[in-house]
Amino acid sequence: MAFAAFAALGVWQLERLAWKRSLIARVESRVNAAPVTLAEAHGVRGPTLASEYRRVMLKGAFLRSRTTLVETVTELGPGYWVLDPFEDTSGTVLVNRGFLPQADKAHLPAPPRAHVRIIGLIRLSEPKGRFLRTNVPSSDRWFTRDVAAIAATRGVKVSSGIFIDDQVYIEGQVPIAGLTQTTFRNAHLQYAFTWFALALVSAFGFWKIIRLKQR
């Protein structure tokens, strides 16, 4: 049983390795590409993994007084992602304006009134809550960027199940844009070797027990 369990965990880590390598290759090929429009990024199939992390350019204006704060922790400490609906030429989409440190919550600036241009990355909706932390729309408590739930709570009809991470960092400005994680640790091969080694140790131990019983 131990051998089977460790071997299964080793196979699972190999599957995770393939997934992580695909993710890394996908992100690296897209984050520095020339920006395209949302319509060009989606194609005929709409938002899928094929469009995630695509670099896009939006032109339009924010819908004011509909800000959503999503609790998070980044390398800068605890705080919030600041999401606002944005009317682009191809429809309405949620834009993550960036990270707001917890200490600056009372001083959050409103989105600009004028028409603006945004360069950002497409991200897919996060419908599930974090571990032991579930979104509570009725209390306006958010732990993940659940596009459908946020749009329904704010009374906004979005064009698709994505949001856009603003990538234009401006020093000294909050929210702090450009914090999208685009590098990913990949230790799955080492984990796979560890599990397979434990499987072999289990098999060797079983063989030793059989030999002792035979004696």
N, C-alpha and C. Protein backbone atom coordinates (compact mmCIF):
# COMPACT_ATOMS: atom_id res chain seq x y z
N MET A 1 0.83 -1.21 0.00
CA MET A 1 0.00 0.00 0.00
C MET A 1 0.86 1.26 0.00
N ALA A 2 1.94 1.23 0.78
CA ALA A 2 2.84 2.39 0.81
C ALA A 2 3.49 2.59 -0.55
N PHE A 3 3.93 1.45 -1.16
CA PHE A 3 4.55 1.55 -2.49
C PHE A 3 3.58 2.17 -3.49
N ALA A 4 2.33 1.71 -3.50
CA ALA A 4 1.33 2.23 -4.44
C ALA A 4 1.07 3.71 -4.20
N ALA A 5 0.97 4.10 -2.92
CA ALA A 5 0.69 5.50 -2.59
C ALA A 5 1.84 6.41 -3.02
N PHE A 6 3.08 6.00 -2.71
CA PHE A 6 4.23 6.84 -3.07
C PHE A 6 4.40 6.91 -4.59
N ALA A 7 4.17 5.79 -5.28
CA ALA A 7 4.29 5.79 -6.74
C ALA A 7 3.24 6.70 -7.37
N ALA A 8 2.01 6.65 -6.82
CA ALA A 8 0.95 7.51 -7.35
C ALA A 8 1.30 8.98 -7.14
N LEU A 9 1.88 9.31 -5.99
CA LEU A 9 2.28 10.70 -5.74
C LEU A 9 3.40 11.13 -6.70
N GLY A 10 4.30 10.20 -7.03
CA GLY A 10 5.34 10.50 -8.00
C GLY A 10 4.78 10.80 -9.38
N VAL A 11 3.82 9.99 -9.81
CA VAL A 11 3.17 10.22 -11.11
C VAL A 11 2.45 11.55 -11.11
N TRP A 12 1.76 11.87 -10.00
CA TRP A 12 1.04 13.14 -9.89
C TRP A 12 2.00 14.32 -10.02
N GLN A 13 3.18 14.21 -9.41
CA GLN A 13 4.15 15.30 -9.52
C GLN A 13 4.67 15.44 -10.94
N LEU A 14 4.79 14.33 -11.68
CA LEU A 14 5.20 14.43 -13.08
C LEU A 14 4.13 15.14 -13.90
N GLU A 15 2.87 14.88 -13.58
CA GLU A 15 1.78 15.59 -14.27
C GLU A 15 1.82 17.07 -13.93
N ARG A 16 2.07 17.39 -12.66
CA ARG A 16 2.20 18.79 -12.26
C ARG A 16 3.40 19.44 -12.94
N LEU A 17 4.47 18.69 -13.15
CA LEU A 17 5.65 19.22 -13.83
C LEU A 17 5.30 19.63 -15.26
N ALA A 18 4.56 18.78 -15.96
CA ALA A 18 4.16 19.12 -17.33
C ALA A 18 3.27 20.35 -17.35
N TRP A 19 2.35 20.44 -16.39
CA TRP A 19 1.47 21.61 -16.30
C TRP A 19 2.28 22.87 -16.02
N LYS A 20 3.23 22.80 -15.08
CA LYS A 20 4.01 23.99 -14.71
C LYS A 20 4.88 24.45 -15.88
N ARG A 21 5.49 23.51 -16.59
CA ARG A 21 6.32 23.88 -17.74
C ARG A 21 5.47 24.55 -18.82
N SER A 22 4.27 24.03 -19.02
CA SER A 22 3.36 24.64 -20.00
C SER A 22 2.98 26.05 -19.58
N LEU A 23 2.70 26.23 -18.28
CA LEU A 23 2.35 27.56 -17.77
C LEU A 23 3.50 28.54 -17.95
N ILE A 24 4.70 28.12 -17.60
CA ILE A 24 5.87 29.00 -17.71
C ILE A 24 6.10 29.41 -19.16
N ALA A 25 6.02 28.44 -20.06
CA ALA A 25 6.23 28.74 -21.48
C ALA A 25 5.15 29.68 -21.99
N ARG A 26 3.90 29.45 -21.57
CA ARG A 26 2.78 30.28 -22.01
C ARG A 26 2.95 31.72 -21.54
N VAL A 27 3.31 31.88 -20.27
CA VAL A 27 3.45 33.23 -19.72
C VAL A 27 4.63 33.96 -20.37
N GLU A 28 5.77 33.28 -20.49
CA GLU A 28 6.95 33.93 -21.05
C GLU A 28 6.73 34.40 -22.48
N SER A 29 5.90 33.68 -23.23
CA SER A 29 5.67 34.06 -24.62
C SER A 29 4.67 35.20 -24.77
N ARG A 30 3.98 35.55 -23.69
CA ARG A 30 2.89 36.52 -23.82
C ARG A 30 3.13 37.85 -23.10
N VAL A 31 3.81 37.82 -21.95
CA VAL A 31 3.87 39.03 -21.13
C VAL A 31 4.65 40.16 -21.79
N ASN A 32 5.54 39.83 -22.70
CA ASN A 32 6.33 40.87 -23.36
C ASN A 32 5.93 41.08 -24.81
N ALA A 33 4.86 40.42 -25.24
CA ALA A 33 4.41 40.58 -26.62
C ALA A 33 3.73 41.93 -26.81
N ALA A 34 3.59 42.33 -28.04
CA ALA A 34 2.89 43.59 -28.34
C ALA A 34 1.42 43.46 -27.91
N PRO A 35 0.87 44.51 -27.29
CA PRO A 35 -0.53 44.42 -26.83
C PRO A 35 -1.51 44.35 -27.98
N VAL A 36 -2.59 43.60 -27.75
CA VAL A 36 -3.67 43.48 -28.73
C VAL A 36 -4.97 43.92 -28.06
N THR A 37 -6.02 44.04 -28.84
CA THR A 37 -7.33 44.37 -28.26
C THR A 37 -7.93 43.12 -27.62
N LEU A 38 -8.95 43.33 -26.78
CA LEU A 38 -9.62 42.20 -26.15
C LEU A 38 -10.23 41.27 -27.20
N ALA A 39 -10.83 41.86 -28.23
CA ALA A 39 -11.45 41.04 -29.28
C ALA A 39 -10.41 40.17 -29.97
N GLU A 40 -9.22 40.72 -30.22
CA GLU A 40 -8.16 39.95 -30.88
C GLU A 40 -7.64 38.86 -29.96
N ALA A 41 -7.57 39.14 -28.65
CA ALA A 41 -7.05 38.17 -27.69
C ALA A 41 -8.01 36.99 -27.52
N HIS A 42 -9.31 37.27 -27.52
CA HIS A 42 -10.31 36.22 -27.30
C HIS A 42 -10.53 35.34 -28.51
N GLY A 43 -10.54 35.92 -29.68
CA GLY A 43 -10.88 35.16 -30.87
C GLY A 43 -12.35 34.77 -30.84
N VAL A 44 -12.69 33.70 -31.49
CA VAL A 44 -14.10 33.30 -31.59
C VAL A 44 -14.54 32.44 -30.41
N ARG A 45 -13.59 31.93 -29.63
CA ARG A 45 -13.95 31.01 -28.54
C ARG A 45 -14.14 31.70 -27.20
N GLY A 46 -13.84 32.98 -27.12
CA GLY A 46 -13.97 33.67 -25.84
C GLY A 46 -12.78 33.39 -24.94
N PRO A 47 -12.85 33.80 -23.67
CA PRO A 47 -11.72 33.67 -22.75
C PRO A 47 -11.45 32.22 -22.38
N THR A 48 -10.24 31.76 -22.64
CA THR A 48 -9.80 30.42 -22.28
C THR A 48 -8.35 30.51 -21.82
N LEU A 49 -7.75 29.36 -21.49
CA LEU A 49 -6.34 29.35 -21.15
C LEU A 49 -5.49 29.91 -22.28
N ALA A 50 -6.01 29.83 -23.49
CA ALA A 50 -5.26 30.34 -24.64
C ALA A 50 -5.15 31.86 -24.62
N SER A 51 -6.01 32.53 -23.87
CA SER A 51 -5.96 34.00 -23.82
C SER A 51 -5.38 34.51 -22.50
N GLU A 52 -5.23 33.65 -21.50
CA GLU A 52 -4.69 34.11 -20.21
C GLU A 52 -3.27 34.61 -20.36
N TYR A 53 -2.97 35.69 -19.68
CA TYR A 53 -1.67 36.37 -19.69
C TYR A 53 -1.36 37.05 -21.02
N ARG A 54 -2.33 37.10 -21.94
CA ARG A 54 -2.12 37.89 -23.15
C ARG A 54 -2.04 39.36 -22.76
N ARG A 55 -1.18 40.08 -23.42
CA ARG A 55 -1.01 41.51 -23.16
C ARG A 55 -2.01 42.27 -24.03
N VAL A 56 -2.84 43.09 -23.38
CA VAL A 56 -3.90 43.78 -24.11
C VAL A 56 -3.86 45.28 -23.83
N MET A 57 -4.50 46.02 -24.70
CA MET A 57 -4.63 47.46 -24.54
C MET A 57 -6.12 47.82 -24.52
N LEU A 58 -6.53 48.51 -23.47
CA LEU A 58 -7.91 48.96 -23.35
C LEU A 58 -7.98 50.46 -23.56
N LYS A 59 -9.07 50.92 -24.17
CA LYS A 59 -9.31 52.35 -24.33
C LYS A 59 -10.74 52.62 -23.91
N GLY A 60 -10.91 53.52 -22.92
CA GLY A 60 -12.25 53.82 -22.44
C GLY A 60 -12.20 54.56 -21.11
N ALA A 61 -13.19 54.29 -20.26
CA ALA A 61 -13.29 55.01 -18.99
C ALA A 61 -13.78 54.08 -17.90
N PHE A 62 -13.38 54.37 -16.65
CA PHE A 62 -13.83 53.61 -15.50
C PHE A 62 -15.26 54.00 -15.12
N LEU A 63 -16.02 53.02 -14.61
CA LEU A 63 -17.31 53.29 -14.00
C LEU A 63 -17.04 53.59 -12.53
N ARG A 64 -17.33 54.78 -12.10
CA ARG A 64 -16.94 55.21 -10.77
C ARG A 64 -17.92 54.71 -9.70
N SER A 65 -17.45 54.75 -8.45
CA SER A 65 -18.23 54.37 -7.26
C SER A 65 -18.63 52.89 -7.27
N ARG A 66 -17.85 52.04 -7.93
CA ARG A 66 -18.15 50.60 -7.94
C ARG A 66 -16.89 49.79 -7.66
N THR A 67 -16.03 50.33 -6.82
CA THR A 67 -14.76 49.70 -6.48
C THR A 67 -14.97 48.48 -5.59
N THR A 68 -14.20 47.43 -5.85
CA THR A 68 -14.21 46.23 -5.02
C THR A 68 -12.80 45.98 -4.51
N LEU A 69 -12.68 45.76 -3.20
CA LEU A 69 -11.39 45.45 -2.59
C LEU A 69 -11.33 43.96 -2.28
N VAL A 70 -10.30 43.30 -2.80
CA VAL A 70 -10.12 41.86 -2.60
C VAL A 70 -8.90 41.65 -1.71
N GLU A 71 -9.11 41.06 -0.54
CA GLU A 71 -8.01 40.88 0.40
C GLU A 71 -6.94 39.96 -0.18
N THR A 72 -5.69 40.32 0.07
CA THR A 72 -4.58 39.52 -0.45
C THR A 72 -3.33 39.78 0.37
N VAL A 73 -2.30 39.01 0.11
CA VAL A 73 -0.98 39.22 0.70
C VAL A 73 0.03 39.13 -0.43
N THR A 74 0.87 40.15 -0.57
CA THR A 74 1.90 40.16 -1.60
C THR A 74 3.26 40.32 -0.96
N GLU A 75 4.29 40.44 -1.78
CA GLU A 75 5.64 40.66 -1.26
C GLU A 75 5.74 41.99 -0.51
N LEU A 76 4.75 42.87 -0.69
CA LEU A 76 4.72 44.16 0.00
C LEU A 76 3.93 44.09 1.30
N GLY A 77 3.39 42.91 1.63
CA GLY A 77 2.63 42.76 2.86
C GLY A 77 1.14 42.58 2.61
N PRO A 78 0.33 42.64 3.67
CA PRO A 78 -1.12 42.47 3.51
C PRO A 78 -1.76 43.72 2.91
N GLY A 79 -2.86 43.49 2.20
CA GLY A 79 -3.56 44.61 1.60
C GLY A 79 -4.70 44.13 0.73
N TYR A 80 -4.93 44.83 -0.39
CA TYR A 80 -6.09 44.55 -1.23
C TYR A 80 -5.74 44.75 -2.71
N TRP A 81 -6.35 43.91 -3.55
CA TRP A 81 -6.41 44.21 -4.97
C TRP A 81 -7.59 45.14 -5.19
N VAL A 82 -7.41 46.16 -6.02
CA VAL A 82 -8.44 47.17 -6.25
C VAL A 82 -9.03 46.95 -7.64
N LEU A 83 -10.29 46.51 -7.68
CA LEU A 83 -10.94 46.20 -8.95
C LEU A 83 -12.04 47.21 -9.25
N ASP A 84 -12.04 47.71 -10.47
CA ASP A 84 -13.07 48.65 -10.93
C ASP A 84 -13.55 48.23 -12.31
N PRO A 85 -14.85 48.37 -12.59
CA PRO A 85 -15.34 48.10 -13.95
C PRO A 85 -14.87 49.18 -14.92
N PHE A 86 -14.54 48.76 -16.13
CA PHE A 86 -13.99 49.66 -17.14
C PHE A 86 -14.74 49.43 -18.44
N GLU A 87 -15.22 50.52 -19.03
CA GLU A 87 -15.93 50.43 -20.31
C GLU A 87 -14.94 50.57 -21.46
N ASP A 88 -14.65 49.44 -22.08
CA ASP A 88 -13.76 49.41 -23.24
C ASP A 88 -14.62 49.48 -24.50
N THR A 89 -13.98 49.66 -25.62
CA THR A 89 -14.72 49.73 -26.88
C THR A 89 -15.43 48.40 -27.21
N SER A 90 -14.92 47.30 -26.64
CA SER A 90 -15.52 45.99 -26.92
C SER A 90 -16.44 45.51 -25.79
N GLY A 91 -16.67 46.34 -24.77
CA GLY A 91 -17.55 45.95 -23.67
C GLY A 91 -16.99 46.36 -22.33
N THR A 92 -17.65 45.91 -21.27
CA THR A 92 -17.22 46.23 -19.91
C THR A 92 -16.42 45.09 -19.32
N VAL A 93 -15.32 45.42 -18.68
CA VAL A 93 -14.43 44.41 -18.10
C VAL A 93 -13.92 44.93 -16.76
N LEU A 94 -13.66 44.02 -15.82
CA LEU A 94 -13.07 44.42 -14.55
C LEU A 94 -11.58 44.63 -14.72
N VAL A 95 -11.09 45.73 -14.17
CA VAL A 95 -9.66 46.04 -14.22
C VAL A 95 -9.11 46.04 -12.80
N ASN A 96 -8.07 45.26 -12.59
CA ASN A 96 -7.35 45.27 -11.31
C ASN A 96 -6.34 46.41 -11.37
N ARG A 97 -6.68 47.52 -10.72
CA ARG A 97 -5.82 48.70 -10.79
C ARG A 97 -4.50 48.51 -10.06
N GLY A 98 -4.42 47.49 -9.20
CA GLY A 98 -3.17 47.23 -8.51
C GLY A 98 -3.37 46.92 -7.04
N PHE A 99 -2.26 46.93 -6.31
CA PHE A 99 -2.24 46.55 -4.90
C PHE A 99 -2.32 47.77 -4.00
N LEU A 100 -3.23 47.71 -3.02
CA LEU A 100 -3.38 48.77 -2.04
C LEU A 100 -2.93 48.26 -0.68
N PRO A 101 -1.81 48.78 -0.13
CA PRO A 101 -1.39 48.35 1.20
C PRO A 101 -2.48 48.60 2.23
N GLN A 102 -2.57 47.73 3.22
CA GLN A 102 -3.61 47.84 4.23
C GLN A 102 -3.61 49.20 4.91
N ALA A 103 -2.43 49.75 5.15
CA ALA A 103 -2.32 51.04 5.83
C ALA A 103 -2.87 52.20 5.01
N ASP A 104 -3.00 52.02 3.68
CA ASP A 104 -3.48 53.09 2.81
C ASP A 104 -4.95 52.95 2.44
N LYS A 105 -5.66 52.03 3.11
CA LYS A 105 -7.05 51.77 2.73
C LYS A 105 -7.92 53.02 2.82
N ALA A 106 -7.70 53.83 3.84
CA ALA A 106 -8.52 55.04 4.02
C ALA A 106 -8.19 56.12 3.00
N HIS A 107 -7.10 55.97 2.26
CA HIS A 107 -6.67 57.00 1.31
C HIS A 107 -6.69 56.49 -0.12
N LEU A 108 -7.56 55.54 -0.41
CA LEU A 108 -7.63 55.00 -1.76
C LEU A 108 -8.15 56.05 -2.73
N PRO A 109 -7.37 56.39 -3.76
CA PRO A 109 -7.86 57.36 -4.74
C PRO A 109 -8.88 56.73 -5.68
N ALA A 110 -9.86 57.52 -6.08
CA ALA A 110 -10.87 57.05 -7.02
C ALA A 110 -10.23 56.88 -8.40
N PRO A 111 -10.80 56.06 -9.25
CA PRO A 111 -10.27 55.92 -10.61
C PRO A 111 -10.42 57.23 -11.37
N PRO A 112 -9.60 57.46 -12.37
CA PRO A 112 -9.67 58.72 -13.13
C PRO A 112 -11.02 58.86 -13.84
N ARG A 113 -11.45 60.11 -14.00
CA ARG A 113 -12.72 60.39 -14.67
C ARG A 113 -12.57 60.37 -16.19
N ALA A 114 -11.43 60.79 -16.67
CA ALA A 114 -11.24 60.94 -18.11
C ALA A 114 -11.06 59.59 -18.80
N HIS A 115 -11.17 59.62 -20.12
CA HIS A 115 -10.86 58.43 -20.92
C HIS A 115 -9.36 58.16 -20.82
N VAL A 116 -9.03 56.90 -20.63
CA VAL A 116 -7.63 56.53 -20.45
C VAL A 116 -7.31 55.30 -21.31
N ARG A 117 -6.01 55.05 -21.42
CA ARG A 117 -5.53 53.84 -22.09
C ARG A 117 -4.85 52.98 -21.04
N ILE A 118 -5.17 51.69 -21.03
CA ILE A 118 -4.61 50.76 -20.05
C ILE A 118 -3.91 49.63 -20.78
N ILE A 119 -2.68 49.34 -20.34
CA ILE A 119 -1.94 48.18 -20.83
C ILE A 119 -1.92 47.16 -19.70
N GLY A 120 -2.44 45.98 -19.96
CA GLY A 120 -2.51 44.99 -18.90
C GLY A 120 -2.47 43.57 -19.42
N LEU A 121 -2.61 42.63 -18.47
CA LEU A 121 -2.59 41.21 -18.79
C LEU A 121 -3.96 40.60 -18.51
N ILE A 122 -4.40 39.73 -19.41
CA ILE A 122 -5.67 39.03 -19.21
C ILE A 122 -5.49 37.97 -18.12
N ARG A 123 -6.39 37.97 -17.16
CA ARG A 123 -6.41 36.93 -16.12
C ARG A 123 -7.80 36.31 -16.08
N LEU A 124 -7.85 35.01 -15.84
CA LEU A 124 -9.13 34.32 -15.76
C LEU A 124 -9.74 34.49 -14.38
N SER A 125 -11.07 34.48 -14.32
CA SER A 125 -11.80 34.63 -13.07
C SER A 125 -11.38 33.58 -12.05
N GLU A 126 -11.46 33.95 -10.77
CA GLU A 126 -11.11 33.06 -9.67
C GLU A 126 -12.37 32.77 -8.85
N PRO A 127 -13.22 31.85 -9.32
CA PRO A 127 -14.52 31.65 -8.68
C PRO A 127 -14.47 31.00 -7.31
N LYS A 128 -13.39 30.31 -6.99
CA LYS A 128 -13.31 29.64 -5.69
C LYS A 128 -12.58 30.52 -4.67
N GLY A 129 -13.00 30.43 -3.41
CA GLY A 129 -12.35 31.19 -2.36
C GLY A 129 -11.00 30.58 -2.00
N ARG A 130 -10.23 31.30 -1.18
CA ARG A 130 -8.98 30.76 -0.69
C ARG A 130 -9.25 29.70 0.36
N PHE A 131 -8.21 28.99 0.77
CA PHE A 131 -8.34 27.95 1.77
C PHE A 131 -8.94 28.52 3.05
N LEU A 132 -10.08 28.01 3.45
CA LEU A 132 -10.81 28.44 4.64
C LEU A 132 -11.30 29.88 4.56
N ARG A 133 -11.25 30.49 3.38
CA ARG A 133 -11.72 31.87 3.22
C ARG A 133 -12.61 31.93 1.98
N THR A 134 -13.91 31.96 2.20
CA THR A 134 -14.86 31.98 1.09
C THR A 134 -15.40 33.39 0.90
N ASN A 135 -15.56 33.81 -0.35
CA ASN A 135 -16.14 35.13 -0.63
C ASN A 135 -17.53 35.24 0.00
N VAL A 136 -17.82 36.42 0.57
CA VAL A 136 -19.14 36.68 1.16
C VAL A 136 -19.67 37.96 0.51
N PRO A 137 -20.29 37.85 -0.67
CA PRO A 137 -20.76 39.05 -1.38
C PRO A 137 -21.73 39.90 -0.57
N SER A 138 -22.60 39.26 0.24
CA SER A 138 -23.59 40.01 1.01
C SER A 138 -22.94 40.93 2.03
N SER A 139 -21.73 40.58 2.48
CA SER A 139 -21.00 41.42 3.44
C SER A 139 -19.86 42.18 2.77
N ASP A 140 -19.77 42.09 1.45
CA ASP A 140 -18.71 42.74 0.68
C ASP A 140 -17.32 42.32 1.17
N ARG A 141 -17.18 41.02 1.45
CA ARG A 141 -15.89 40.45 1.83
C ARG A 141 -15.41 39.57 0.69
N TRP A 142 -14.26 39.93 0.14
CA TRP A 142 -13.74 39.24 -1.04
C TRP A 142 -12.32 38.75 -0.78
N PHE A 143 -12.08 37.49 -1.15
CA PHE A 143 -10.76 36.90 -0.98
C PHE A 143 -10.18 36.41 -2.30
N THR A 144 -11.02 36.29 -3.33
CA THR A 144 -10.55 35.98 -4.68
C THR A 144 -11.28 36.86 -5.67
N ARG A 145 -10.72 36.97 -6.85
CA ARG A 145 -11.28 37.85 -7.88
C ARG A 145 -12.29 37.07 -8.73
N ASP A 146 -13.46 36.86 -8.13
CA ASP A 146 -14.56 36.14 -8.78
C ASP A 146 -15.33 37.14 -9.63
N VAL A 147 -15.06 37.13 -10.93
CA VAL A 147 -15.60 38.15 -11.83
C VAL A 147 -17.12 38.16 -11.83
N ALA A 148 -17.75 37.00 -11.98
CA ALA A 148 -19.21 36.94 -12.07
C ALA A 148 -19.86 37.45 -10.79
N ALA A 149 -19.35 37.02 -9.63
CA ALA A 149 -19.94 37.44 -8.36
C ALA A 149 -19.73 38.92 -8.11
N ILE A 150 -18.55 39.44 -8.41
CA ILE A 150 -18.28 40.86 -8.20
C ILE A 150 -19.15 41.71 -9.13
N ALA A 151 -19.25 41.30 -10.39
CA ALA A 151 -20.06 42.06 -11.35
C ALA A 151 -21.52 42.08 -10.93
N ALA A 152 -22.04 40.93 -10.47
CA ALA A 152 -23.44 40.88 -10.03
C ALA A 152 -23.66 41.75 -8.81
N THR A 153 -22.74 41.75 -7.88
CA THR A 153 -22.87 42.56 -6.67
C THR A 153 -22.82 44.05 -6.99
N ARG A 154 -22.02 44.43 -7.97
CA ARG A 154 -21.88 45.85 -8.33
C ARG A 154 -22.89 46.28 -9.39
N GLY A 155 -23.71 45.36 -9.85
CA GLY A 155 -24.71 45.71 -10.86
C GLY A 155 -24.11 46.04 -12.21
N VAL A 156 -23.08 45.28 -12.58
CA VAL A 156 -22.38 45.53 -13.84
C VAL A 156 -22.48 44.28 -14.71
N LYS A 157 -22.73 44.47 -15.98
CA LYS A 157 -22.76 43.36 -16.92
C LYS A 157 -21.43 43.33 -17.66
N VAL A 158 -20.59 42.35 -17.32
CA VAL A 158 -19.28 42.26 -17.95
C VAL A 158 -19.37 41.43 -19.22
N SER A 159 -18.43 41.65 -20.10
CA SER A 159 -18.47 40.99 -21.41
C SER A 159 -17.92 39.58 -21.37
N SER A 160 -17.14 39.23 -20.34
CA SER A 160 -16.56 37.89 -20.28
C SER A 160 -16.04 37.61 -18.87
N GLY A 161 -15.69 36.34 -18.61
CA GLY A 161 -15.23 35.93 -17.29
C GLY A 161 -13.76 36.15 -17.08
N ILE A 162 -13.29 37.34 -17.36
CA ILE A 162 -11.88 37.67 -17.16
C ILE A 162 -11.78 39.01 -16.43
N PHE A 163 -10.58 39.29 -15.93
CA PHE A 163 -10.26 40.64 -15.49
C PHE A 163 -8.89 40.99 -16.04
N ILE A 164 -8.53 42.26 -15.97
CA ILE A 164 -7.27 42.73 -16.53
C ILE A 164 -6.38 43.27 -15.40
N ASP A 165 -5.17 42.75 -15.32
CA ASP A 165 -4.18 43.28 -14.37
C ASP A 165 -3.44 44.45 -15.02
N ASP A 166 -3.63 45.65 -14.47
CA ASP A 166 -2.91 46.82 -14.98
C ASP A 166 -1.42 46.62 -14.76
N GLN A 167 -0.62 46.84 -15.81
CA GLN A 167 0.82 46.61 -15.73
C GLN A 167 1.65 47.89 -15.75
N VAL A 168 1.00 49.04 -15.80
CA VAL A 168 1.74 50.30 -15.90
C VAL A 168 2.06 50.81 -14.49
N TYR A 169 3.28 50.53 -14.04
CA TYR A 169 3.71 50.94 -12.70
C TYR A 169 4.15 52.40 -12.72
N ILE A 170 3.62 53.19 -11.78
CA ILE A 170 4.02 54.59 -11.62
C ILE A 170 4.52 54.76 -10.20
N GLU A 171 5.78 55.14 -10.06
CA GLU A 171 6.40 55.23 -8.74
C GLU A 171 5.65 56.22 -7.84
N GLY A 172 5.38 55.79 -6.60
CA GLY A 172 4.72 56.64 -5.61
C GLY A 172 3.21 56.66 -5.72
N GLN A 173 2.64 55.94 -6.70
CA GLN A 173 1.19 55.97 -6.89
C GLN A 173 0.56 54.70 -6.34
N VAL A 174 -0.59 54.89 -5.65
CA VAL A 174 -1.39 53.74 -5.23
C VAL A 174 -2.75 53.84 -5.92
N PRO A 175 -3.34 52.68 -6.25
CA PRO A 175 -2.81 51.33 -6.08
C PRO A 175 -1.53 51.10 -6.89
N ILE A 176 -0.75 50.11 -6.46
CA ILE A 176 0.53 49.81 -7.09
C ILE A 176 0.30 48.77 -8.18
N ALA A 177 0.45 49.17 -9.43
CA ALA A 177 0.24 48.27 -10.56
C ALA A 177 1.51 47.48 -10.87
N GLY A 178 1.37 46.49 -11.75
CA GLY A 178 2.53 45.75 -12.22
C GLY A 178 3.02 44.65 -11.30
N LEU A 179 2.16 44.16 -10.40
CA LEU A 179 2.59 43.13 -9.46
C LEU A 179 2.11 41.73 -9.85
N THR A 180 1.65 41.55 -11.07
CA THR A 180 1.22 40.23 -11.50
C THR A 180 2.37 39.24 -11.42
N GLN A 181 2.13 38.08 -10.80
CA GLN A 181 3.16 37.06 -10.71
C GLN A 181 3.36 36.40 -12.06
N THR A 182 4.53 36.61 -12.64
CA THR A 182 4.82 36.04 -13.96
C THR A 182 6.02 35.10 -13.93
N THR A 183 6.57 34.85 -12.75
CA THR A 183 7.62 33.85 -12.58
C THR A 183 7.12 32.82 -11.58
N PHE A 184 7.39 31.56 -11.84
CA PHE A 184 6.81 30.49 -11.04
C PHE A 184 7.88 29.49 -10.64
N ARG A 185 7.92 29.16 -9.36
CA ARG A 185 8.86 28.15 -8.86
C ARG A 185 8.47 26.79 -9.42
N ASN A 186 9.47 26.03 -9.84
CA ASN A 186 9.20 24.72 -10.43
C ASN A 186 10.10 23.67 -9.79
N ALA A 187 9.61 23.01 -8.75
CA ALA A 187 10.37 21.97 -8.05
C ALA A 187 9.69 20.61 -8.15
N HIS A 188 8.80 20.45 -9.12
CA HIS A 188 8.02 19.21 -9.20
C HIS A 188 8.88 18.00 -9.54
N LEU A 189 9.96 18.19 -10.32
CA LEU A 189 10.81 17.06 -10.67
C LEU A 189 11.49 16.51 -9.42
N GLN A 190 11.98 17.41 -8.54
CA GLN A 190 12.60 16.96 -7.29
C GLN A 190 11.59 16.23 -6.41
N TYR A 191 10.35 16.76 -6.36
CA TYR A 191 9.32 16.10 -5.57
C TYR A 191 9.03 14.70 -6.13
N ALA A 192 8.98 14.59 -7.47
CA ALA A 192 8.71 13.29 -8.09
C ALA A 192 9.81 12.29 -7.73
N PHE A 193 11.08 12.71 -7.81
CA PHE A 193 12.18 11.83 -7.45
C PHE A 193 12.04 11.37 -6.00
N THR A 194 11.64 12.30 -5.12
CA THR A 194 11.49 11.96 -3.70
C THR A 194 10.43 10.88 -3.50
N TRP A 195 9.26 11.06 -4.14
CA TRP A 195 8.18 10.08 -3.98
C TRP A 195 8.56 8.73 -4.57
N PHE A 196 9.21 8.72 -5.74
CA PHE A 196 9.61 7.45 -6.35
C PHE A 196 10.68 6.76 -5.50
N ALA A 197 11.57 7.55 -4.89
CA ALA A 197 12.58 6.96 -4.01
C ALA A 197 11.92 6.30 -2.80
N LEU A 198 10.93 6.95 -2.24
CA LEU A 198 10.21 6.37 -1.10
C LEU A 198 9.46 5.10 -1.52
N ALA A 199 8.95 5.11 -2.76
CA ALA A 199 8.28 3.90 -3.27
C ALA A 199 9.28 2.74 -3.35
N LEU A 200 10.51 3.02 -3.83
CA LEU A 200 11.52 1.97 -3.92
C LEU A 200 11.94 1.49 -2.54
N VAL A 201 12.07 2.42 -1.59
CA VAL A 201 12.41 2.03 -0.21
C VAL A 201 11.32 1.13 0.36
N SER A 202 10.06 1.47 0.09
CA SER A 202 8.94 0.65 0.57
C SER A 202 9.00 -0.76 -0.03
N ALA A 203 9.29 -0.83 -1.33
CA ALA A 203 9.39 -2.13 -1.99
C ALA A 203 10.54 -2.94 -1.42
N PHE A 204 11.68 -2.29 -1.18
CA PHE A 204 12.83 -2.98 -0.60
C PHE A 204 12.51 -3.48 0.80
N GLY A 205 11.83 -2.65 1.59
CA GLY A 205 11.44 -3.07 2.94
C GLY A 205 10.50 -4.26 2.92
N PHE A 206 9.57 -4.25 1.97
CA PHE A 206 8.64 -5.38 1.85
C PHE A 206 9.41 -6.67 1.50
N TRP A 207 10.36 -6.54 0.58
CA TRP A 207 11.17 -7.70 0.18
C TRP A 207 11.97 -8.24 1.37
N LYS A 208 12.52 -7.34 2.20
CA LYS A 208 13.28 -7.76 3.37
C LYS A 208 12.39 -8.51 4.35
N ILE A 209 11.15 -8.04 4.54
CA ILE A 209 10.23 -8.71 5.46
C ILE A 209 9.91 -10.12 4.96
N ILE A 210 9.68 -10.27 3.65
CA ILE A 210 9.40 -11.58 3.07
C ILE A 210 10.60 -12.52 3.29
N ARG A 211 11.84 -12.02 3.08
CA ARG A 211 13.02 -12.84 3.27
C ARG A 211 13.14 -13.31 4.71
N LEU A 212 12.85 -12.37 5.65
CA LEU A 212 12.94 -12.74 7.08
C LEU A 212 11.91 -13.80 7.43
N LYS A 213 10.70 -13.67 6.89
CA LYS A 213 9.66 -14.66 7.17
C LYS A 213 10.05 -16.03 6.58
N GLN A 214 10.68 -16.02 5.42
CA GLN A 214 11.10 -17.28 4.79
C GLN A 214 12.16 -17.98 5.65
N ARG A 215 13.06 -17.19 6.25
CA ARG A 215 14.09 -17.78 7.09
C ARG A 215 13.48 -18.36 8.38
